[in-house]
Amino acid sequence: MTLHISFLVNNWAFQIGDRLLSQKTGSHSNPFDKDSNKTIVFIPRNGIVSISYAGTAYIDDKPTDQWIAEILRGHELGKGQDSCHGLVNNWPDIGLAIQKLANILERIWPQLPKEQRDCNLEIAICGWQWPKNRKKPSPILWYLINYSKDIYKPFEIIRINLPRYLPQNKLAYGSVGALVKEEDWQKIIKAITNQYKSGNEQTAELAVVKVVSRTLCKWIDKLVTADTCLQSVLPAG
């Protein structure tokens, strides 16, 4: 199990969660890939988003983050390559890209080994979209989830209904993976709002990492590690 939370406030969007892949042994877990990650940054034709997953660590024989990146990119990454750049023909917008990901997951999911499917898969998409003829980007908080145990049920794209522009200092947030108690949400929200009002995004990020790390520690015995990764995405302009 893992935990990733997504936040949007003003012109700041980020995801933070435990980073390492874990292997279950009885009721405990041990990290087994020190270089692993569960978050990627994707720049579609009309925006920029951070994408994090909770659930199965591998799809076929590839780490899930690599598999997602390759589907969105349209071809495999080279050996040892953790980023890719350059122009691609017919580069999709965010809606088409996530729909493509959902369609491929729906097709291949029943074919995966049972041990991979037993972990389920939840994907969170958080960031910004530049609609046509608008001067400001709009916030995005989407999820791609198969809630059903029926392996032939489709992966559903859930679009959280957010205002076109977030009111000043108003938060949008959510999580995938382990459930977050309301008291922990309030601590995390307080850490963000108190620091962000100071106008120092770097200080706010450090405060968020600190409080979320403490929250993650509560789930260590439930296969969540306290080794955190924070990825923030800022809209251009």
C-alpha atoms as a PDB file:
ATOM      1  CA  MET A   1       0.000   0.000   0.000  1.00  0.00           C
ATOM      2  CA  THR A   2       1.063   3.569  -0.501  1.00  0.00           C
ATOM      3  CA  LEU A   3      -0.258   7.071   0.098  1.00  0.00           C
ATOM      4  CA  HIS A   4      -0.194  10.043  -2.262  1.00  0.00           C
ATOM      5  CA  ILE A   5      -1.924  13.334  -1.623  1.00  0.00           C
ATOM      6  CA  SER A   6      -2.613  16.051  -4.185  1.00  0.00           C
ATOM      7  CA  PHE A   7      -3.046  19.763  -3.469  1.00  0.00           C
ATOM      8  CA  LEU A   8      -3.824  22.851  -5.511  1.00  0.00           C
ATOM      9  CA  VAL A   9      -3.704  26.369  -4.106  1.00  0.00           C
ATOM     10  CA  ASN A  10      -3.377  29.655  -6.015  1.00  0.00           C
ATOM     11  CA  ASN A  11      -0.764  28.950  -8.747  1.00  0.00           C
ATOM     12  CA  TRP A  12       0.791  26.007  -6.927  1.00  0.00           C
ATOM     13  CA  ALA A  13      -0.044  22.345  -7.486  1.00  0.00           C
ATOM     14  CA  PHE A  14       1.835  19.427  -5.991  1.00  0.00           C
ATOM     15  CA  GLN A  15       1.734  15.769  -5.075  1.00  0.00           C
ATOM     16  CA  ILE A  16       3.550  14.212  -2.170  1.00  0.00           C
ATOM     17  CA  GLY A  17       3.738  10.639  -0.968  1.00  0.00           C
ATOM     18  CA  ASP A  18       5.947   7.738  -0.067  1.00  0.00           C
ATOM     19  CA  ARG A  19       8.444   7.047  -2.812  1.00  0.00           C
ATOM     20  CA  LEU A  20       9.891   3.561  -2.403  1.00  0.00           C
ATOM     21  CA  LEU A  21       8.471   0.321  -3.699  1.00  0.00           C
ATOM     22  CA  SER A  22       7.833  -2.190  -0.930  1.00  0.00           C
ATOM     23  CA  GLN A  23       7.644  -5.959  -0.752  1.00  0.00           C
ATOM     24  CA  LYS A  24       5.218  -7.564   1.687  1.00  0.00           C
ATOM     25  CA  THR A  25       6.513 -10.134   4.163  1.00  0.00           C
ATOM     26  CA  GLY A  26       3.753 -11.314   6.449  1.00  0.00           C
ATOM     27  CA  SER A  27       2.130  -8.210   7.938  1.00  0.00           C
ATOM     28  CA  HIS A  28       5.177  -5.983   7.352  1.00  0.00           C
ATOM     29  CA  SER A  29       6.967  -4.572   4.327  1.00  0.00           C
ATOM     30  CA  ASN A  30      10.514  -3.870   3.271  1.00  0.00           C
ATOM     31  CA  PRO A  31      11.641  -1.404   0.593  1.00  0.00           C
ATOM     32  CA  PHE A  32      13.362  -3.288  -2.229  1.00  0.00           C
ATOM     33  CA  ASP A  33      14.118  -0.649  -4.878  1.00  0.00           C
ATOM     34  CA  LYS A  34      16.053   2.365  -3.576  1.00  0.00           C
ATOM     35  CA  ASP A  35      15.840   4.133  -6.945  1.00  0.00           C
ATOM     36  CA  SER A  36      12.118   3.731  -7.405  1.00  0.00           C
ATOM     37  CA  ASN A  37       9.552   6.477  -7.704  1.00  0.00           C
ATOM     38  CA  LYS A  38       5.765   6.630  -7.975  1.00  0.00           C
ATOM     39  CA  THR A  39       5.349  10.035  -9.612  1.00  0.00           C
ATOM     40  CA  ILE A  40       5.961  11.430 -13.088  1.00  0.00           C
ATOM     41  CA  VAL A  41       5.573  14.882 -14.663  1.00  0.00           C
ATOM     42  CA  PHE A  42       3.683  15.015 -17.947  1.00  0.00           C
ATOM     43  CA  ILE A  43       3.419  18.035 -20.225  1.00  0.00           C
ATOM     44  CA  PRO A  44       0.508  17.544 -22.647  1.00  0.00           C
ATOM     45  CA  ARG A  45      -0.277  19.952 -25.444  1.00  0.00           C
ATOM     46  CA  ASN A  46      -2.448  22.102 -23.203  1.00  0.00           C
ATOM     47  CA  GLY A  47      -1.029  21.925 -19.700  1.00  0.00           C
ATOM     48  CA  ILE A  48       1.306  20.400 -17.144  1.00  0.00           C
ATOM     49  CA  VAL A  49       0.436  17.755 -14.539  1.00  0.00           C
ATOM     50  CA  SER A  50       1.982  15.555 -11.892  1.00  0.00           C
ATOM     51  CA  ILE A  51       0.800  11.932 -12.016  1.00  0.00           C
ATOM     52  CA  SER A  52       1.135   9.573  -9.034  1.00  0.00           C
ATOM     53  CA  TYR A  53      -0.068   6.036  -8.512  1.00  0.00           C
ATOM     54  CA  ALA A  54      -0.921   3.735  -5.634  1.00  0.00           C
ATOM     55  CA  GLY A  55      -1.197  -0.003  -6.030  1.00  0.00           C
ATOM     56  CA  THR A  56       0.628  -2.518  -8.167  1.00  0.00           C
ATOM     57  CA  ALA A  57       4.323  -1.675  -8.509  1.00  0.00           C
ATOM     58  CA  TYR A  58       4.773  -3.431 -11.860  1.00  0.00           C
ATOM     59  CA  ILE A  59       2.722  -3.784 -15.014  1.00  0.00           C
ATOM     60  CA  ASP A  60       4.045  -6.740 -16.945  1.00  0.00           C
ATOM     61  CA  ASP A  61       7.777  -6.564 -16.196  1.00  0.00           C
ATOM     62  CA  LYS A  62       8.086  -2.765 -15.940  1.00  0.00           C
ATOM     63  CA  PRO A  63       7.815  -0.432 -12.952  1.00  0.00           C
ATOM     64  CA  THR A  64       4.391   1.177 -13.080  1.00  0.00           C
ATOM     65  CA  ASP A  65       5.708   4.745 -13.300  1.00  0.00           C
ATOM     66  CA  GLN A  66       7.851   3.801 -16.310  1.00  0.00           C
ATOM     67  CA  TRP A  67       4.930   1.984 -17.926  1.00  0.00           C
ATOM     68  CA  ILE A  68       2.655   5.042 -17.513  1.00  0.00           C
ATOM     69  CA  ALA A  69       5.327   7.355 -18.926  1.00  0.00           C
ATOM     70  CA  GLU A  70       5.818   5.133 -21.964  1.00  0.00           C
ATOM     71  CA  ILE A  71       2.085   4.949 -22.665  1.00  0.00           C
ATOM     72  CA  LEU A  72       1.769   8.728 -22.488  1.00  0.00           C
ATOM     73  CA  ARG A  73       4.914   9.238 -24.558  1.00  0.00           C
ATOM     74  CA  GLY A  74       3.902   6.694 -27.174  1.00  0.00           C
ATOM     75  CA  HIS A  75       7.107   4.627 -27.178  1.00  0.00           C
ATOM     76  CA  GLU A  76       9.527   2.956 -24.797  1.00  0.00           C
ATOM     77  CA  LEU A  77      12.099   4.868 -22.813  1.00  0.00           C
ATOM     78  CA  GLY A  78      15.704   3.956 -23.422  1.00  0.00           C
ATOM     79  CA  LYS A  79      17.612   1.902 -20.889  1.00  0.00           C
ATOM     80  CA  GLY A  80      18.385   4.007 -17.824  1.00  0.00           C
ATOM     81  CA  GLN A  81      16.421   6.951 -19.234  1.00  0.00           C
ATOM     82  CA  ASP A  82      14.236   8.765 -16.722  1.00  0.00           C
ATOM     83  CA  SER A  83      13.106  11.681 -18.880  1.00  0.00           C
ATOM     84  CA  CYS A  84      12.301  12.428 -22.507  1.00  0.00           C
ATOM     85  CA  HIS A  85      12.046  15.666 -24.453  1.00  0.00           C
ATOM     86  CA  GLY A  86      11.402  16.908 -27.947  1.00  0.00           C
ATOM     87  CA  LEU A  87       8.492  17.378 -30.308  1.00  0.00           C
ATOM     88  CA  VAL A  88       6.207  14.457 -31.137  1.00  0.00           C
ATOM     89  CA  ASN A  89       3.670  14.328 -33.953  1.00  0.00           C
ATOM     90  CA  ASN A  90       0.034  14.445 -32.818  1.00  0.00           C
ATOM     91  CA  TRP A  91       1.012  15.236 -29.239  1.00  0.00           C
ATOM     92  CA  PRO A  92      -2.252  14.848 -27.237  1.00  0.00           C
ATOM     93  CA  ASP A  93      -4.034  17.203 -24.914  1.00  0.00           C
ATOM     94  CA  ILE A  94      -4.530  16.110 -21.310  1.00  0.00           C
ATOM     95  CA  GLY A  95      -8.006  14.672 -21.870  1.00  0.00           C
ATOM     96  CA  LEU A  96      -7.003  12.484 -24.804  1.00  0.00           C
ATOM     97  CA  ALA A  97      -3.822  11.340 -23.049  1.00  0.00           C
ATOM     98  CA  ILE A  98      -5.615  10.163 -19.905  1.00  0.00           C
ATOM     99  CA  GLN A  99      -8.392   8.550 -21.947  1.00  0.00           C
ATOM    100  CA  LYS A 100      -5.740   6.623 -23.896  1.00  0.00           C
ATOM    101  CA  LEU A 101      -4.210   5.468 -20.617  1.00  0.00           C
ATOM    102  CA  ALA A 102      -7.627   4.323 -19.369  1.00  0.00           C
ATOM    103  CA  ASN A 103      -8.375   2.443 -22.582  1.00  0.00           C
ATOM    104  CA  ILE A 104      -5.063   0.569 -22.543  1.00  0.00           C
ATOM    105  CA  LEU A 105      -5.397  -0.321 -18.865  1.00  0.00           C
ATOM    106  CA  GLU A 106      -8.898  -1.637 -19.485  1.00  0.00           C
ATOM    107  CA  ARG A 107      -7.597  -3.854 -22.283  1.00  0.00           C
ATOM    108  CA  ILE A 108      -4.514  -5.288 -20.581  1.00  0.00           C
ATOM    109  CA  TRP A 109      -5.669  -5.478 -16.937  1.00  0.00           C
ATOM    110  CA  PRO A 110      -7.427  -8.871 -17.254  1.00  0.00           C
ATOM    111  CA  GLN A 111      -4.255 -10.305 -18.814  1.00  0.00           C
ATOM    112  CA  LEU A 112      -1.925  -9.356 -15.944  1.00  0.00           C
ATOM    113  CA  PRO A 113      -0.798 -11.938 -13.366  1.00  0.00           C
ATOM    114  CA  LYS A 114      -3.178 -12.218 -10.426  1.00  0.00           C
ATOM    115  CA  GLU A 115      -0.566 -10.958  -7.953  1.00  0.00           C
ATOM    116  CA  GLN A 116      -0.363  -7.676  -9.887  1.00  0.00           C
ATOM    117  CA  ARG A 117      -4.130  -7.273 -10.134  1.00  0.00           C
ATOM    118  CA  ASP A 118      -4.623  -8.036  -6.435  1.00  0.00           C
ATOM    119  CA  CYS A 119      -2.871  -4.762  -5.581  1.00  0.00           C
ATOM    120  CA  ASN A 120      -5.374  -2.801  -7.697  1.00  0.00           C
ATOM    121  CA  LEU A 121      -4.312   0.546  -9.193  1.00  0.00           C
ATOM    122  CA  GLU A 122      -5.265   4.138  -8.416  1.00  0.00           C
ATOM    123  CA  ILE A 123      -3.813   7.047 -10.391  1.00  0.00           C
ATOM    124  CA  ALA A 124      -4.073  10.733  -9.417  1.00  0.00           C
ATOM    125  CA  ILE A 125      -3.566  13.551 -11.935  1.00  0.00           C
ATOM    126  CA  CYS A 126      -2.962  17.024 -10.485  1.00  0.00           C
ATOM    127  CA  GLY A 127      -1.942  20.235 -12.218  1.00  0.00           C
ATOM    128  CA  TRP A 128      -2.983  22.810 -14.769  1.00  0.00           C
ATOM    129  CA  GLN A 129      -4.800  22.994 -18.079  1.00  0.00           C
ATOM    130  CA  TRP A 130      -4.700  25.897 -20.540  1.00  0.00           C
ATOM    131  CA  PRO A 131      -8.127  26.047 -22.196  1.00  0.00           C
ATOM    132  CA  LYS A 132      -8.401  27.963 -25.456  1.00  0.00           C
ATOM    133  CA  ASN A 133      -8.997  31.701 -25.312  1.00  0.00           C
ATOM    134  CA  ARG A 134      -8.318  31.994 -21.593  1.00  0.00           C
ATOM    135  CA  LYS A 135      -5.551  34.017 -20.034  1.00  0.00           C
ATOM    136  CA  LYS A 136      -5.180  31.855 -16.923  1.00  0.00           C
ATOM    137  CA  PRO A 137      -4.788  28.095 -16.510  1.00  0.00           C
ATOM    138  CA  SER A 138      -7.523  26.066 -14.859  1.00  0.00           C
ATOM    139  CA  PRO A 139      -6.831  23.580 -12.029  1.00  0.00           C
ATOM    140  CA  ILE A 140      -7.041  19.832 -12.677  1.00  0.00           C
ATOM    141  CA  LEU A 141      -7.622  17.120 -10.091  1.00  0.00           C
ATOM    142  CA  TRP A 142      -8.524  13.843 -11.777  1.00  0.00           C
ATOM    143  CA  TYR A 143      -8.402  10.186 -10.798  1.00  0.00           C
ATOM    144  CA  LEU A 144      -8.161   7.034 -12.873  1.00  0.00           C
ATOM    145  CA  ILE A 145      -9.443   4.126 -10.786  1.00  0.00           C
ATOM    146  CA  ASN A 146     -11.004   0.700 -11.116  1.00  0.00           C
ATOM    147  CA  TYR A 147     -13.022   0.315  -7.927  1.00  0.00           C
ATOM    148  CA  SER A 148     -14.544  -3.021  -8.883  1.00  0.00           C
ATOM    149  CA  LYS A 149     -13.057  -6.443  -8.212  1.00  0.00           C
ATOM    150  CA  ASP A 150     -14.435  -7.437 -11.604  1.00  0.00           C
ATOM    151  CA  ILE A 151     -11.301  -7.398 -13.762  1.00  0.00           C
ATOM    152  CA  TYR A 152     -13.370  -6.661 -16.867  1.00  0.00           C
ATOM    153  CA  LYS A 153     -14.856  -3.436 -15.501  1.00  0.00           C
ATOM    154  CA  PRO A 154     -13.405  -0.311 -17.129  1.00  0.00           C
ATOM    155  CA  PHE A 155     -11.025   2.102 -15.462  1.00  0.00           C
ATOM    156  CA  GLU A 156     -13.072   5.201 -14.702  1.00  0.00           C
ATOM    157  CA  ILE A 157     -11.794   8.764 -15.131  1.00  0.00           C
ATOM    158  CA  ILE A 158     -13.115  10.841 -12.248  1.00  0.00           C
ATOM    159  CA  ARG A 159     -12.865  14.590 -12.797  1.00  0.00           C
ATOM    160  CA  ILE A 160     -13.236  16.554  -9.567  1.00  0.00           C
ATOM    161  CA  ASN A 161     -15.490  19.527 -10.208  1.00  0.00           C
ATOM    162  CA  LEU A 162     -13.302  22.567  -9.514  1.00  0.00           C
ATOM    163  CA  PRO A 163     -13.950  26.239 -10.319  1.00  0.00           C
ATOM    164  CA  ARG A 164     -12.344  27.591 -13.470  1.00  0.00           C
ATOM    165  CA  TYR A 165      -9.996  29.590 -11.238  1.00  0.00           C
ATOM    166  CA  LEU A 166      -9.372  28.737  -7.596  1.00  0.00           C
ATOM    167  CA  PRO A 167     -10.283  31.578  -5.214  1.00  0.00           C
ATOM    168  CA  GLN A 168      -7.270  33.107  -3.481  1.00  0.00           C
ATOM    169  CA  ASN A 169      -5.829  30.791  -0.801  1.00  0.00           C
ATOM    170  CA  LYS A 170      -8.581  28.197  -1.310  1.00  0.00           C
ATOM    171  CA  LEU A 171      -7.426  24.579  -1.381  1.00  0.00           C
ATOM    172  CA  ALA A 172      -8.406  21.632  -3.527  1.00  0.00           C
ATOM    173  CA  TYR A 173      -7.048  18.310  -2.319  1.00  0.00           C
ATOM    174  CA  GLY A 174      -7.448  14.553  -2.321  1.00  0.00           C
ATOM    175  CA  SER A 175      -5.546  11.295  -1.977  1.00  0.00           C
ATOM    176  CA  VAL A 176      -5.055   7.813  -3.379  1.00  0.00           C
ATOM    177  CA  GLY A 177      -3.918   4.753  -1.457  1.00  0.00           C
ATOM    178  CA  ALA A 178      -4.189   4.678   2.327  1.00  0.00           C
ATOM    179  CA  LEU A 179      -7.048   6.614   3.881  1.00  0.00           C
ATOM    180  CA  VAL A 180      -6.162   9.884   5.602  1.00  0.00           C
ATOM    181  CA  LYS A 181      -7.980  10.676   8.842  1.00  0.00           C
ATOM    182  CA  GLU A 182      -9.661  14.050   9.140  1.00  0.00           C
ATOM    183  CA  GLU A 183      -7.310  15.111  11.962  1.00  0.00           C
ATOM    184  CA  ASP A 184      -4.318  14.426   9.705  1.00  0.00           C
ATOM    185  CA  TRP A 185      -5.891  16.345   6.826  1.00  0.00           C
ATOM    186  CA  GLN A 186      -6.290  19.339   9.107  1.00  0.00           C
ATOM    187  CA  LYS A 187      -2.608  19.214  10.132  1.00  0.00           C
ATOM    188  CA  ILE A 188      -1.498  19.033   6.514  1.00  0.00           C
ATOM    189  CA  ILE A 189      -3.837  21.824   5.416  1.00  0.00           C
ATOM    190  CA  LYS A 190      -2.654  24.028   8.284  1.00  0.00           C
ATOM    191  CA  ALA A 191       0.991  23.453   7.309  1.00  0.00           C
ATOM    192  CA  ILE A 192       0.244  24.505   3.744  1.00  0.00           C
ATOM    193  CA  THR A 193      -1.898  27.557   4.438  1.00  0.00           C
ATOM    194  CA  ASN A 194       0.312  28.953   7.204  1.00  0.00           C
ATOM    195  CA  GLN A 195       3.457  28.724   5.121  1.00  0.00           C
ATOM    196  CA  TYR A 196       1.958  29.707   1.799  1.00  0.00           C
ATOM    197  CA  LYS A 197       0.554  32.953   3.219  1.00  0.00           C
ATOM    198  CA  SER A 198       4.141  34.000   3.891  1.00  0.00           C
ATOM    199  CA  GLY A 199       4.683  34.048   0.143  1.00  0.00           C
ATOM    200  CA  ASN A 200       7.600  31.617   0.285  1.00  0.00           C
ATOM    201  CA  GLU A 201       6.780  28.505  -1.744  1.00  0.00           C
ATOM    202  CA  GLN A 202      10.078  26.820  -0.858  1.00  0.00           C
ATOM    203  CA  THR A 203       9.382  27.208   2.866  1.00  0.00           C
ATOM    204  CA  ALA A 204       5.859  25.917   2.327  1.00  0.00           C
ATOM    205  CA  GLU A 205       7.127  22.832   0.515  1.00  0.00           C
ATOM    206  CA  LEU A 206       9.556  22.019   3.318  1.00  0.00           C
ATOM    207  CA  ALA A 207       6.792  22.405   5.909  1.00  0.00           C
ATOM    208  CA  VAL A 208       4.507  20.149   3.912  1.00  0.00           C
ATOM    209  CA  VAL A 209       7.191  17.476   3.534  1.00  0.00           C
ATOM    210  CA  LYS A 210       7.754  17.526   7.302  1.00  0.00           C
ATOM    211  CA  VAL A 211       4.116  17.148   8.315  1.00  0.00           C
ATOM    212  CA  VAL A 212       3.283  14.614   5.598  1.00  0.00           C
ATOM    213  CA  SER A 213       6.337  12.519   6.541  1.00  0.00           C
ATOM    214  CA  ARG A 214       5.011  12.334  10.087  1.00  0.00           C
ATOM    215  CA  THR A 215       1.603  11.329   8.739  1.00  0.00           C
ATOM    216  CA  LEU A 216       3.110   8.646   6.525  1.00  0.00           C
ATOM    217  CA  CYS A 217       4.936   7.139   9.494  1.00  0.00           C
ATOM    218  CA  LYS A 218       1.566   6.134  10.921  1.00  0.00           C
ATOM    219  CA  TRP A 219       1.152   3.706   8.034  1.00  0.00           C
ATOM    220  CA  ILE A 220       4.595   2.110   8.067  1.00  0.00           C
ATOM    221  CA  ASP A 221       3.182  -1.188   9.369  1.00  0.00           C
ATOM    222  CA  LYS A 222       0.577  -1.014   6.578  1.00  0.00           C
ATOM    223  CA  LEU A 223       3.191  -1.016   3.811  1.00  0.00           C
ATOM    224  CA  VAL A 224       3.701   2.756   3.577  1.00  0.00           C
ATOM    225  CA  THR A 225       7.251   4.063   3.940  1.00  0.00           C
ATOM    226  CA  ALA A 226       8.253   7.449   5.312  1.00  0.00           C
ATOM    227  CA  ASP A 227      10.676   8.150   2.433  1.00  0.00           C
ATOM    228  CA  THR A 228       8.755  10.985   0.779  1.00  0.00           C
ATOM    229  CA  CYS A 229       8.848  12.604  -2.647  1.00  0.00           C
ATOM    230  CA  LEU A 230       7.255  15.973  -3.390  1.00  0.00           C
ATOM    231  CA  GLN A 231       6.635  17.037  -6.971  1.00  0.00           C
ATOM    232  CA  SER A 232       5.288  20.515  -7.643  1.00  0.00           C
ATOM    233  CA  VAL A 233       4.101  21.865 -10.979  1.00  0.00           C
ATOM    234  CA  LEU A 234       3.683  25.562 -11.687  1.00  0.00           C
ATOM    235  CA  PRO A 235       1.768  26.949 -14.679  1.00  0.00           C
ATOM    236  CA  ALA A 236       3.819  28.943 -17.169  1.00  0.00           C
ATOM    237  CA  GLY A 237       3.232  32.632 -17.527  1.00  0.00           C
END
